Amino acid sequence: AEGILARGEAELIGLGRALLVDPAWPIKAAAGRSNDIRYCVSCNT
């Protein structure tokens, strides 16, 4: 997400399944807690 913004490819980042998996994704990302994120496995369950 940070790379998309850095390259000017978008102004906003739309997350669907990623926030279903972990609603705290934004606050964890901001705090540098990427290891604490429960990640989407893109299985479409």
All heavy atoms as atom14 arrays in JSON, in Angstrom:
{
  "sequence": "AEGILARGEAELIGLGRALLVDPAWPIKAAAGRSNDIRYCVSCNT",
  "atom14_mask": [
    [1, 1, 1, 1, 1, 0, 0, 0, 0, 0, 0, 0, 0, 0],
    [1, 1, 1, 1, 1, 1, 1, 1, 1, 0, 0, 0, 0, 0],
    [1, 1, 1, 1, 0, 0, 0, 0, 0, 0, 0, 0, 0, 0],
    [1, 1, 1, 1, 1, 1, 1, 1, 0, 0, 0, 0, 0, 0],
    [1, 1, 1, 1, 1, 1, 1, 1, 0, 0, 0, 0, 0, 0],
    [1, 1, 1, 1, 1, 0, 0, 0, 0, 0, 0, 0, 0, 0],
    [1, 1, 1, 1, 1, 1, 1, 1, 1, 1, 1, 0, 0, 0],
    [1, 1, 1, 1, 0, 0, 0, 0, 0, 0, 0, 0, 0, 0],
    [1, 1, 1, 1, 1, 1, 1, 1, 1, 0, 0, 0, 0, 0],
    [1, 1, 1, 1, 1, 0, 0, 0, 0, 0, 0, 0, 0, 0],
    [1, 1, 1, 1, 1, 1, 1, 1, 1, 0, 0, 0, 0, 0],
    [1, 1, 1, 1, 1, 1, 1, 1, 0, 0, 0, 0, 0, 0],
    [1, 1, 1, 1, 1, 1, 1, 1, 0, 0, 0, 0, 0, 0],
    [1, 1, 1, 1, 0, 0, 0, 0, 0, 0, 0, 0, 0, 0],
    [1, 1, 1, 1, 1, 1, 1, 1, 0, 0, 0, 0, 0, 0],
    [1, 1, 1, 1, 0, 0, 0, 0, 0, 0, 0, 0, 0, 0],
    [1, 1, 1, 1, 1, 1, 1, 1, 1, 1, 1, 0, 0, 0],
    [1, 1, 1, 1, 1, 0, 0, 0, 0, 0, 0, 0, 0, 0],
    [1, 1, 1, 1, 1, 1, 1, 1, 0, 0, 0, 0, 0, 0],
    [1, 1, 1, 1, 1, 1, 1, 1, 0, 0, 0, 0, 0, 0],
    [1, 1, 1, 1, 1, 1, 1, 0, 0, 0, 0, 0, 0, 0],
    [1, 1, 1, 1, 1, 1, 1, 1, 0, 0, 0, 0, 0, 0],
    [1, 1, 1, 1, 1, 1, 1, 0, 0, 0, 0, 0, 0, 0],
    [1, 1, 1, 1, 1, 0, 0, 0, 0, 0, 0, 0, 0, 0],
    [1, 1, 1, 1, 1, 1, 1, 1, 1, 1, 1, 1, 1, 1],
    [1, 1, 1, 1, 1, 1, 1, 0, 0, 0, 0, 0, 0, 0],
    [1, 1, 1, 1, 1, 1, 1, 1, 0, 0, 0, 0, 0, 0],
    [1, 1, 1, 1, 1, 1, 1, 1, 1, 0, 0, 0, 0, 0],
    [1, 1, 1, 1, 1, 0, 0, 0, 0, 0, 0, 0, 0, 0],
    [1, 1, 1, 1, 1, 0, 0, 0, 0, 0, 0, 0, 0, 0],
    [1, 1, 1, 1, 1, 0, 0, 0, 0, 0, 0, 0, 0, 0],
    [1, 1, 1, 1, 0, 0, 0, 0, 0, 0, 0, 0, 0, 0],
    [1, 1, 1, 1, 1, 1, 1, 1, 1, 1, 1, 0, 0, 0],
    [1, 1, 1, 1, 1, 1, 0, 0, 0, 0, 0, 0, 0, 0],
    [1, 1, 1, 1, 1, 1, 1, 1, 0, 0, 0, 0, 0, 0],
    [1, 1, 1, 1, 1, 1, 1, 1, 0, 0, 0, 0, 0, 0],
    [1, 1, 1, 1, 1, 1, 1, 1, 0, 0, 0, 0, 0, 0],
    [1, 1, 1, 1, 1, 1, 1, 1, 1, 1, 1, 0, 0, 0],
    [1, 1, 1, 1, 1, 1, 1, 1, 1, 1, 1, 1, 0, 0],
    [1, 1, 1, 1, 1, 1, 0, 0, 0, 0, 0, 0, 0, 0],
    [1, 1, 1, 1, 1, 1, 1, 0, 0, 0, 0, 0, 0, 0],
    [1, 1, 1, 1, 1, 1, 0, 0, 0, 0, 0, 0, 0, 0],
    [1, 1, 1, 1, 1, 1, 0, 0, 0, 0, 0, 0, 0, 0],
    [1, 1, 1, 1, 1, 1, 1, 1, 0, 0, 0, 0, 0, 0],
    [1, 1, 1, 1, 1, 1, 1, 0, 0, 0, 0, 0, 0, 0]
  ],
  "atom14_positions": [
    [[0.82, -1.21, 0.0], [0.0, 0.0, 0.0], [0.86, 1.26, 0.0], [0.59, 2.22, -0.74], [-0.93, -0.01, 1.22], [0.0, 0.0, 0.0], [0.0, 0.0, 0.0], [0.0, 0.0, 0.0], [0.0, 0.0, 0.0], [0.0, 0.0, 0.0], [0.0, 0.0, 0.0], [0.0, 0.0, 0.0], [0.0, 0.0, 0.0], [0.0, 0.0, 0.0]],
    [[1.9, 1.27, 0.81], [2.8, 2.42, 0.88], [3.48, 2.65, -0.47], [3.63, 3.8, -0.91], [3.84, 2.18, 1.98], [4.72, 3.38, 2.27], [4.04, 4.42, 3.15], [2.84, 4.28, 3.44], [4.72, 5.39, 3.53], [0.0, 0.0, 0.0], [0.0, 0.0, 0.0], [0.0, 0.0, 0.0], [0.0, 0.0, 0.0], [0.0, 0.0, 0.0]],
    [[3.85, 1.58, -1.14], [4.5, 1.7, -2.44], [3.58, 2.29, -3.49], [4.01, 3.08, -4.34], [0.0, 0.0, 0.0], [0.0, 0.0, 0.0], [0.0, 0.0, 0.0], [0.0, 0.0, 0.0], [0.0, 0.0, 0.0], [0.0, 0.0, 0.0], [0.0, 0.0, 0.0], [0.0, 0.0, 0.0], [0.0, 0.0, 0.0], [0.0, 0.0, 0.0]],
    [[2.31, 1.92, -3.46], [1.34, 2.46, -4.42], [1.24, 3.97, -4.27], [1.24, 4.72, -5.26], [-0.04, 1.79, -4.2], [0.01, 0.32, -4.63], [-1.13, 2.53, -4.98], [-1.21, -0.47, -4.22], [0.0, 0.0, 0.0], [0.0, 0.0, 0.0], [0.0, 0.0, 0.0], [0.0, 0.0, 0.0], [0.0, 0.0, 0.0], [0.0, 0.0, 0.0]],
    [[1.16, 4.42, -3.04], [1.09, 5.87, -2.79], [2.39, 6.56, -3.16], [2.38, 7.66, -3.73], [0.75, 6.12, -1.32], [-0.61, 5.6, -0.84], [-0.75, 5.82, 0.66], [-1.76, 6.25, -1.59], [0.0, 0.0, 0.0], [0.0, 0.0, 0.0], [0.0, 0.0, 0.0], [0.0, 0.0, 0.0], [0.0, 0.0, 0.0], [0.0, 0.0, 0.0]],
    [[3.51, 5.94, -2.85], [4.81, 6.54, -3.14], [5.02, 6.73, -4.63], [5.63, 7.72, -5.07], [5.93, 5.69, -2.55], [0.0, 0.0, 0.0], [0.0, 0.0, 0.0], [0.0, 0.0, 0.0], [0.0, 0.0, 0.0], [0.0, 0.0, 0.0], [0.0, 0.0, 0.0], [0.0, 0.0, 0.0], [0.0, 0.0, 0.0], [0.0, 0.0, 0.0]],
    [[4.5, 5.82, -5.43], [4.66, 5.9, -6.88], [3.58, 6.77, -7.53], [3.59, 6.93, -8.75], [4.64, 4.5, -7.49], [5.82, 3.62, -7.08], [5.83, 2.3, -7.84], [4.66, 1.48, -7.55], [4.59, 0.59, -6.55], [5.64, 0.42, -5.74], [3.5, -0.13, -6.36], [0.0, 0.0, 0.0], [0.0, 0.0, 0.0], [0.0, 0.0, 0.0]],
    [[2.67, 7.3, -6.73], [1.62, 8.15, -7.26], [0.6, 7.41, -8.08], [-0.07, 8.0, -8.94], [0.0, 0.0, 0.0], [0.0, 0.0, 0.0], [0.0, 0.0, 0.0], [0.0, 0.0, 0.0], [0.0, 0.0, 0.0], [0.0, 0.0, 0.0], [0.0, 0.0, 0.0], [0.0, 0.0, 0.0], [0.0, 0.0, 0.0], [0.0, 0.0, 0.0]],
    [[0.44, 6.12, -7.82], [-0.51, 5.31, -8.61], [-1.94, 5.43, -8.1], [-2.88, 5.03, -8.78], [-0.05, 3.84, -8.59], [1.26, 3.65, -9.32], [1.97, 2.35, -8.98], [1.73, 1.8, -7.89], [2.78, 1.88, -9.8], [0.0, 0.0, 0.0], [0.0, 0.0, 0.0], [0.0, 0.0, 0.0], [0.0, 0.0, 0.0], [0.0, 0.0, 0.0]],
    [[-2.11, 5.94, -6.91], [-3.43, 6.14, -6.34], [-3.31, 7.11, -5.17], [-2.22, 7.31, -4.62], [-4.04, 4.82, -5.88], [0.0, 0.0, 0.0], [0.0, 0.0, 0.0], [0.0, 0.0, 0.0], [0.0, 0.0, 0.0], [0.0, 0.0, 0.0], [0.0, 0.0, 0.0], [0.0, 0.0, 0.0], [0.0, 0.0, 0.0], [0.0, 0.0, 0.0]],
    [[-4.45, 7.7, -4.8], [-4.5, 8.55, -3.61], [-5.09, 7.81, -2.41], [-4.86, 8.19, -1.27], [-5.36, 9.8, -3.88], [-4.69, 10.83, -4.75], [-4.51, 10.36, -6.19], [-5.51, 9.88, -6.79], [-3.39, 10.47, -6.71], [0.0, 0.0, 0.0], [0.0, 0.0, 0.0], [0.0, 0.0, 0.0], [0.0, 0.0, 0.0], [0.0, 0.0, 0.0]],
    [[-5.86, 6.77, -2.69], [-6.52, 5.99, -1.64], [-6.26, 4.51, -1.86], [-6.06, 4.06, -2.99], [-8.04, 6.25, -1.65], [-8.49, 7.7, -1.4], [-9.97, 7.85, -1.72], [-8.2, 8.1, 0.04], [0.0, 0.0, 0.0], [0.0, 0.0, 0.0], [0.0, 0.0, 0.0], [0.0, 0.0, 0.0], [0.0, 0.0, 0.0], [0.0, 0.0, 0.0]],
    [[-6.27, 3.76, -0.77], [-6.04, 2.32, -0.82], [-7.31, 1.61, -0.38], [-7.77, 1.78, 0.76], [-4.87, 1.9, 0.09], [-3.59, 2.63, -0.31], [-4.68, 0.39, 0.06], [-3.08, 2.31, -1.7], [0.0, 0.0, 0.0], [0.0, 0.0, 0.0], [0.0, 0.0, 0.0], [0.0, 0.0, 0.0], [0.0, 0.0, 0.0], [0.0, 0.0, 0.0]],
    [[-7.9, 0.84, -1.27], [-9.1, 0.09, -0.95], [-8.76, -1.32, -0.51], [-8.15, -2.08, -1.26], [0.0, 0.0, 0.0], [0.0, 0.0, 0.0], [0.0, 0.0, 0.0], [0.0, 0.0, 0.0], [0.0, 0.0, 0.0], [0.0, 0.0, 0.0], [0.0, 0.0, 0.0], [0.0, 0.0, 0.0], [0.0, 0.0, 0.0], [0.0, 0.0, 0.0]],
    [[-9.14, -1.65, 0.71], [-8.89, -2.98, 1.26], [-10.24, -3.62, 1.59], [-11.03, -3.04, 2.33], [-8.04, -2.9, 2.54], [-6.69, -2.19, 2.46], [-6.06, -2.13, 3.84], [-5.77, -2.89, 1.48], [0.0, 0.0, 0.0], [0.0, 0.0, 0.0], [0.0, 0.0, 0.0], [0.0, 0.0, 0.0], [0.0, 0.0, 0.0], [0.0, 0.0, 0.0]],
    [[-10.49, -4.79, 1.05], [-11.71, -5.52, 1.38], [-11.4, -6.7, 2.25], [-11.54, -6.67, 3.48], [0.0, 0.0, 0.0], [0.0, 0.0, 0.0], [0.0, 0.0, 0.0], [0.0, 0.0, 0.0], [0.0, 0.0, 0.0], [0.0, 0.0, 0.0], [0.0, 0.0, 0.0], [0.0, 0.0, 0.0], [0.0, 0.0, 0.0], [0.0, 0.0, 0.0]],
    [[-10.93, -7.77, 1.62], [-10.65, -9.01, 2.36], [-9.58, -8.81, 3.43], [-9.64, -9.44, 4.49], [-10.23, -10.1, 1.36], [-11.35, -10.55, 0.43], [-10.84, -11.44, -0.71], [-10.03, -10.7, -1.65], [-9.43, -11.25, -2.71], [-9.55, -12.54, -2.92], [-8.72, -10.51, -3.53], [0.0, 0.0, 0.0], [0.0, 0.0, 0.0], [0.0, 0.0, 0.0]],
    [[-8.62, -7.91, 3.18], [-7.56, -7.69, 4.17], [-8.11, -7.18, 5.48], [-7.59, -7.5, 6.56], [-6.53, -6.71, 3.61], [0.0, 0.0, 0.0], [0.0, 0.0, 0.0], [0.0, 0.0, 0.0], [0.0, 0.0, 0.0], [0.0, 0.0, 0.0], [0.0, 0.0, 0.0], [0.0, 0.0, 0.0], [0.0, 0.0, 0.0], [0.0, 0.0, 0.0]],
    [[-9.18, -6.35, 5.43], [-9.77, -5.83, 6.65], [-10.81, -6.77, 7.24], [-11.14, -6.65, 8.42], [-10.39, -4.45, 6.4], [-9.4, -3.33, 6.08], [-10.13, -2.0, 5.95], [-8.3, -3.23, 7.14], [0.0, 0.0, 0.0], [0.0, 0.0, 0.0], [0.0, 0.0, 0.0], [0.0, 0.0, 0.0], [0.0, 0.0, 0.0], [0.0, 0.0, 0.0]],
    [[-11.32, -7.69, 6.44], [-12.14, -8.76, 7.0], [-11.27, -9.62, 7.9], [-11.66, -9.98, 9.02], [-12.75, -9.61, 5.88], [-13.37, -10.94, 6.31], [-14.6, -10.71, 7.19], [-13.75, -11.79, 5.09], [0.0, 0.0, 0.0], [0.0, 0.0, 0.0], [0.0, 0.0, 0.0], [0.0, 0.0, 0.0], [0.0, 0.0, 0.0], [0.0, 0.0, 0.0]],
    [[-10.08, -9.96, 7.42], [-9.18, -10.82, 8.19], [-8.72, -10.12, 9.46], [-8.75, -10.71, 10.55], [-7.94, -11.21, 7.35], [-7.04, -12.16, 8.13], [-8.35, -11.84, 6.04], [0.0, 0.0, 0.0], [0.0, 0.0, 0.0], [0.0, 0.0, 0.0], [0.0, 0.0, 0.0], [0.0, 0.0, 0.0], [0.0, 0.0, 0.0], [0.0, 0.0, 0.0]],
    [[-8.28, -8.88, 9.33], [-7.76, -8.17, 10.49], [-8.26, -6.73, 10.47], [-7.7, -5.88, 9.77], [-6.23, -8.18, 10.49], [-5.64, -7.79, 11.84], [-6.34, -7.08, 12.6], [-4.5, -8.18, 12.14], [0.0, 0.0, 0.0], [0.0, 0.0, 0.0], [0.0, 0.0, 0.0], [0.0, 0.0, 0.0], [0.0, 0.0, 0.0], [0.0, 0.0, 0.0]],
    [[-9.31, -6.43, 11.23], [-9.82, -5.06, 11.25], [-8.82, -4.06, 11.81], [-8.94, -2.86, 11.57], [-11.07, -5.15, 12.14], [-10.86, -6.38, 12.97], [-10.08, -7.32, 12.1], [0.0, 0.0, 0.0], [0.0, 0.0, 0.0], [0.0, 0.0, 0.0], [0.0, 0.0, 0.0], [0.0, 0.0, 0.0], [0.0, 0.0, 0.0], [0.0, 0.0, 0.0]],
    [[-7.82, -4.55, 12.56], [-6.79, -3.67, 13.13], [-5.6, -3.5, 12.19], [-4.58, -2.94, 12.59], [-6.32, -4.21, 14.48], [0.0, 0.0, 0.0], [0.0, 0.0, 0.0], [0.0, 0.0, 0.0], [0.0, 0.0, 0.0], [0.0, 0.0, 0.0], [0.0, 0.0, 0.0], [0.0, 0.0, 0.0], [0.0, 0.0, 0.0], [0.0, 0.0, 0.0]],
    [[-5.72, -3.96, 10.95], [-4.65, -3.82, 9.95], [-4.12, -2.38, 9.92], [-2.89, -2.18, 9.94], [-5.19, -4.25, 8.59], [-4.24, -4.45, 7.45], [-3.79, -5.63, 6.95], [-3.69, -3.43, 6.61], [-2.98, -5.41, 5.86], [-2.9, -4.07, 5.63], [-3.76, -2.05, 6.58], [-2.2, -3.38, 4.63], [-3.06, -1.34, 5.6], [-2.3, -2.01, 4.64]],
    [[-4.98, -1.34, 9.87], [-4.44, 0.03, 9.79], [-3.61, 0.44, 11.0], [-2.53, 1.02, 10.84], [-5.71, 0.89, 9.65], [-6.73, -0.02, 9.06], [-6.46, -1.35, 9.7], [0.0, 0.0, 0.0], [0.0, 0.0, 0.0], [0.0, 0.0, 0.0], [0.0, 0.0, 0.0], [0.0, 0.0, 0.0], [0.0, 0.0, 0.0], [0.0, 0.0, 0.0]],
    [[-4.11, 0.17, 12.21], [-3.35, 0.62, 13.38], [-2.1, -0.22, 13.58], [-1.08, 0.28, 14.06], [-4.22, 0.63, 14.66], [-4.8, -0.76, 14.96], [-5.34, 1.64, 14.54], [-5.61, -0.81, 16.26], [0.0, 0.0, 0.0], [0.0, 0.0, 0.0], [0.0, 0.0, 0.0], [0.0, 0.0, 0.0], [0.0, 0.0, 0.0], [0.0, 0.0, 0.0]],
    [[-2.13, -1.47, 13.19], [-0.93, -2.3, 13.26], [0.1, -1.83, 12.24], [1.3, -1.78, 12.53], [-1.28, -3.77, 13.04], [-2.07, -4.41, 14.17], [-2.41, -5.86, 13.87], [-3.18, -6.52, 15.0], [-3.54, -7.93, 14.7], [0.0, 0.0, 0.0], [0.0, 0.0, 0.0], [0.0, 0.0, 0.0], [0.0, 0.0, 0.0], [0.0, 0.0, 0.0]],
    [[-0.36, -1.49, 11.04], [0.56, -1.01, 10.01], [1.22, 0.28, 10.46], [2.44, 0.46, 10.31], [-0.2, -0.78, 8.7], [0.0, 0.0, 0.0], [0.0, 0.0, 0.0], [0.0, 0.0, 0.0], [0.0, 0.0, 0.0], [0.0, 0.0, 0.0], [0.0, 0.0, 0.0], [0.0, 0.0, 0.0], [0.0, 0.0, 0.0], [0.0, 0.0, 0.0]],
    [[0.45, 1.2, 11.03], [1.0, 2.47, 11.47], [2.02, 2.3, 12.58], [3.0, 3.05, 12.66], [-0.14, 3.38, 11.94], [0.0, 0.0, 0.0], [0.0, 0.0, 0.0], [0.0, 0.0, 0.0], [0.0, 0.0, 0.0], [0.0, 0.0, 0.0], [0.0, 0.0, 0.0], [0.0, 0.0, 0.0], [0.0, 0.0, 0.0], [0.0, 0.0, 0.0]],
    [[1.81, 1.28, 13.42], [2.71, 1.06, 14.56], [3.89, 0.17, 14.2], [4.71, -0.15, 15.07], [1.92, 0.43, 15.71], [0.0, 0.0, 0.0], [0.0, 0.0, 0.0], [0.0, 0.0, 0.0], [0.0, 0.0, 0.0], [0.0, 0.0, 0.0], [0.0, 0.0, 0.0], [0.0, 0.0, 0.0], [0.0, 0.0, 0.0], [0.0, 0.0, 0.0]],
    [[4.02, -0.23, 12.94], [5.12, -1.1, 12.54], [4.96, -2.52, 13.03], [5.95, -3.25, 13.17], [0.0, 0.0, 0.0], [0.0, 0.0, 0.0], [0.0, 0.0, 0.0], [0.0, 0.0, 0.0], [0.0, 0.0, 0.0], [0.0, 0.0, 0.0], [0.0, 0.0, 0.0], [0.0, 0.0, 0.0], [0.0, 0.0, 0.0], [0.0, 0.0, 0.0]],
    [[3.72, -2.96, 13.28], [3.46, -4.29, 13.82], [3.02, -5.25, 12.71], [2.03, -5.96, 12.84], [2.38, -4.21, 14.9], [2.75, -3.41, 16.13], [1.53, -3.18, 17.01], [0.85, -4.43, 17.32], [-0.43, -4.51, 17.68], [-1.16, -3.41, 17.78], [-0.98, -5.68, 17.94], [0.0, 0.0, 0.0], [0.0, 0.0, 0.0], [0.0, 0.0, 0.0]],
    [[3.75, -5.28, 11.61], [3.34, -6.12, 10.48], [3.33, -7.6, 10.85], [2.54, -8.38, 10.3], [4.25, -5.88, 9.28], [5.6, -6.17, 9.6], [0.0, 0.0, 0.0], [0.0, 0.0, 0.0], [0.0, 0.0, 0.0], [0.0, 0.0, 0.0], [0.0, 0.0, 0.0], [0.0, 0.0, 0.0], [0.0, 0.0, 0.0], [0.0, 0.0, 0.0]],
    [[4.19, -8.01, 11.78], [4.2, -9.41, 12.21], [2.95, -9.79, 12.99], [2.64, -10.97, 13.13], [5.44, -9.7, 13.08], [6.71, -9.81, 12.27], [6.66, -9.97, 11.05], [7.85, -9.73, 12.93], [0.0, 0.0, 0.0], [0.0, 0.0, 0.0], [0.0, 0.0, 0.0], [0.0, 0.0, 0.0], [0.0, 0.0, 0.0], [0.0, 0.0, 0.0]],
    [[2.24, -8.79, 13.5], [1.03, -9.05, 14.27], [-0.22, -9.06, 13.41], [-1.32, -9.28, 13.92], [0.86, -7.98, 15.36], [1.87, -8.13, 16.48], [2.43, -9.23, 16.62], [2.09, -7.15, 17.21], [0.0, 0.0, 0.0], [0.0, 0.0, 0.0], [0.0, 0.0, 0.0], [0.0, 0.0, 0.0], [0.0, 0.0, 0.0], [0.0, 0.0, 0.0]],
    [[-0.09, -8.78, 12.13], [-1.26, -8.74, 11.26], [-1.66, -10.16, 10.87], [-0.81, -10.98, 10.51], [-0.97, -7.91, 9.99], [-0.78, -6.44, 10.36], [-2.1, -8.06, 8.97], [-0.4, -5.55, 9.19], [0.0, 0.0, 0.0], [0.0, 0.0, 0.0], [0.0, 0.0, 0.0], [0.0, 0.0, 0.0], [0.0, 0.0, 0.0], [0.0, 0.0, 0.0]],
    [[-2.94, -10.44, 10.96], [-3.47, -11.69, 10.39], [-3.75, -11.38, 8.92], [-4.63, -10.59, 8.59], [-4.74, -12.13, 11.1], [-4.53, -12.5, 12.55], [-5.7, -13.28, 13.14], [-5.52, -14.72, 12.93], [-5.95, -15.66, 13.78], [-6.6, -15.34, 14.87], [-5.74, -16.93, 13.52], [0.0, 0.0, 0.0], [0.0, 0.0, 0.0], [0.0, 0.0, 0.0]],
    [[-2.99, -12.03, 8.04], [-3.04, -11.67, 6.63], [-4.09, -12.46, 5.86], [-4.36, -13.63, 6.16], [-1.66, -11.89, 5.98], [-0.68, -10.79, 6.32], [0.27, -10.98, 7.32], [-0.71, -9.58, 5.65], [1.18, -9.97, 7.64], [0.2, -8.57, 5.96], [1.14, -8.78, 6.95], [2.02, -7.78, 7.26], [0.0, 0.0, 0.0], [0.0, 0.0, 0.0]],
    [[-4.64, -11.8, 4.85], [-5.55, -12.47, 3.93], [-4.76, -13.47, 3.09], [-3.69, -13.15, 2.57], [-6.21, -11.43, 3.02], [-7.26, -12.14, 1.73], [0.0, 0.0, 0.0], [0.0, 0.0, 0.0], [0.0, 0.0, 0.0], [0.0, 0.0, 0.0], [0.0, 0.0, 0.0], [0.0, 0.0, 0.0], [0.0, 0.0, 0.0], [0.0, 0.0, 0.0]],
    [[-5.31, -14.68, 2.94], [-4.64, -15.7, 2.13], [-5.26, -15.79, 0.74], [-4.93, -16.68, -0.04], [-4.65, -17.08, 2.83], [-3.94, -17.0, 4.16], [-6.07, -17.61, 3.01], [0.0, 0.0, 0.0], [0.0, 0.0, 0.0], [0.0, 0.0, 0.0], [0.0, 0.0, 0.0], [0.0, 0.0, 0.0], [0.0, 0.0, 0.0], [0.0, 0.0, 0.0]],
    [[-6.2, -14.89, 0.43], [-6.81, -14.8, -0.91], [-7.43, -16.12, -1.35], [-7.33, -16.51, -2.51], [-5.76, -14.33, -1.94], [-5.16, -13.12, -1.54], [0.0, 0.0, 0.0], [0.0, 0.0, 0.0], [0.0, 0.0, 0.0], [0.0, 0.0, 0.0], [0.0, 0.0, 0.0], [0.0, 0.0, 0.0], [0.0, 0.0, 0.0], [0.0, 0.0, 0.0]],
    [[-8.09, -16.78, -0.4], [-8.7, -18.08, -0.71], [-10.15, -17.93, -1.14], [-10.75, -18.87, -1.69], [-8.62, -19.0, 0.5], [-9.51, -18.37, 1.96], [0.0, 0.0, 0.0], [0.0, 0.0, 0.0], [0.0, 0.0, 0.0], [0.0, 0.0, 0.0], [0.0, 0.0, 0.0], [0.0, 0.0, 0.0], [0.0, 0.0, 0.0], [0.0, 0.0, 0.0]],
    [[-10.75, -16.76, -0.88], [-12.14, -16.47, -1.22], [-13.15, -17.35, -0.48], [-14.28, -17.53, -0.95], [-12.36, -16.54, -2.73], [-11.71, -15.37, -3.45], [-11.58, -14.28, -2.88], [-11.25, -15.59, -4.66], [0.0, 0.0, 0.0], [0.0, 0.0, 0.0], [0.0, 0.0, 0.0], [0.0, 0.0, 0.0], [0.0, 0.0, 0.0], [0.0, 0.0, 0.0]],
    [[-12.75, -17.86, 0.67], [-13.71, -18.56, 1.51], [-14.81, -17.6, 1.96], [-15.97, -18.0, 2.12], [-13.01, -19.17, 2.74], [-12.05, -20.13, 2.29], [-14.0, -19.86, 3.66], [0.0, 0.0, 0.0], [0.0, 0.0, 0.0], [0.0, 0.0, 0.0], [0.0, 0.0, 0.0], [0.0, 0.0, 0.0], [0.0, 0.0, 0.0], [0.0, 0.0, 0.0]]
  ]
}
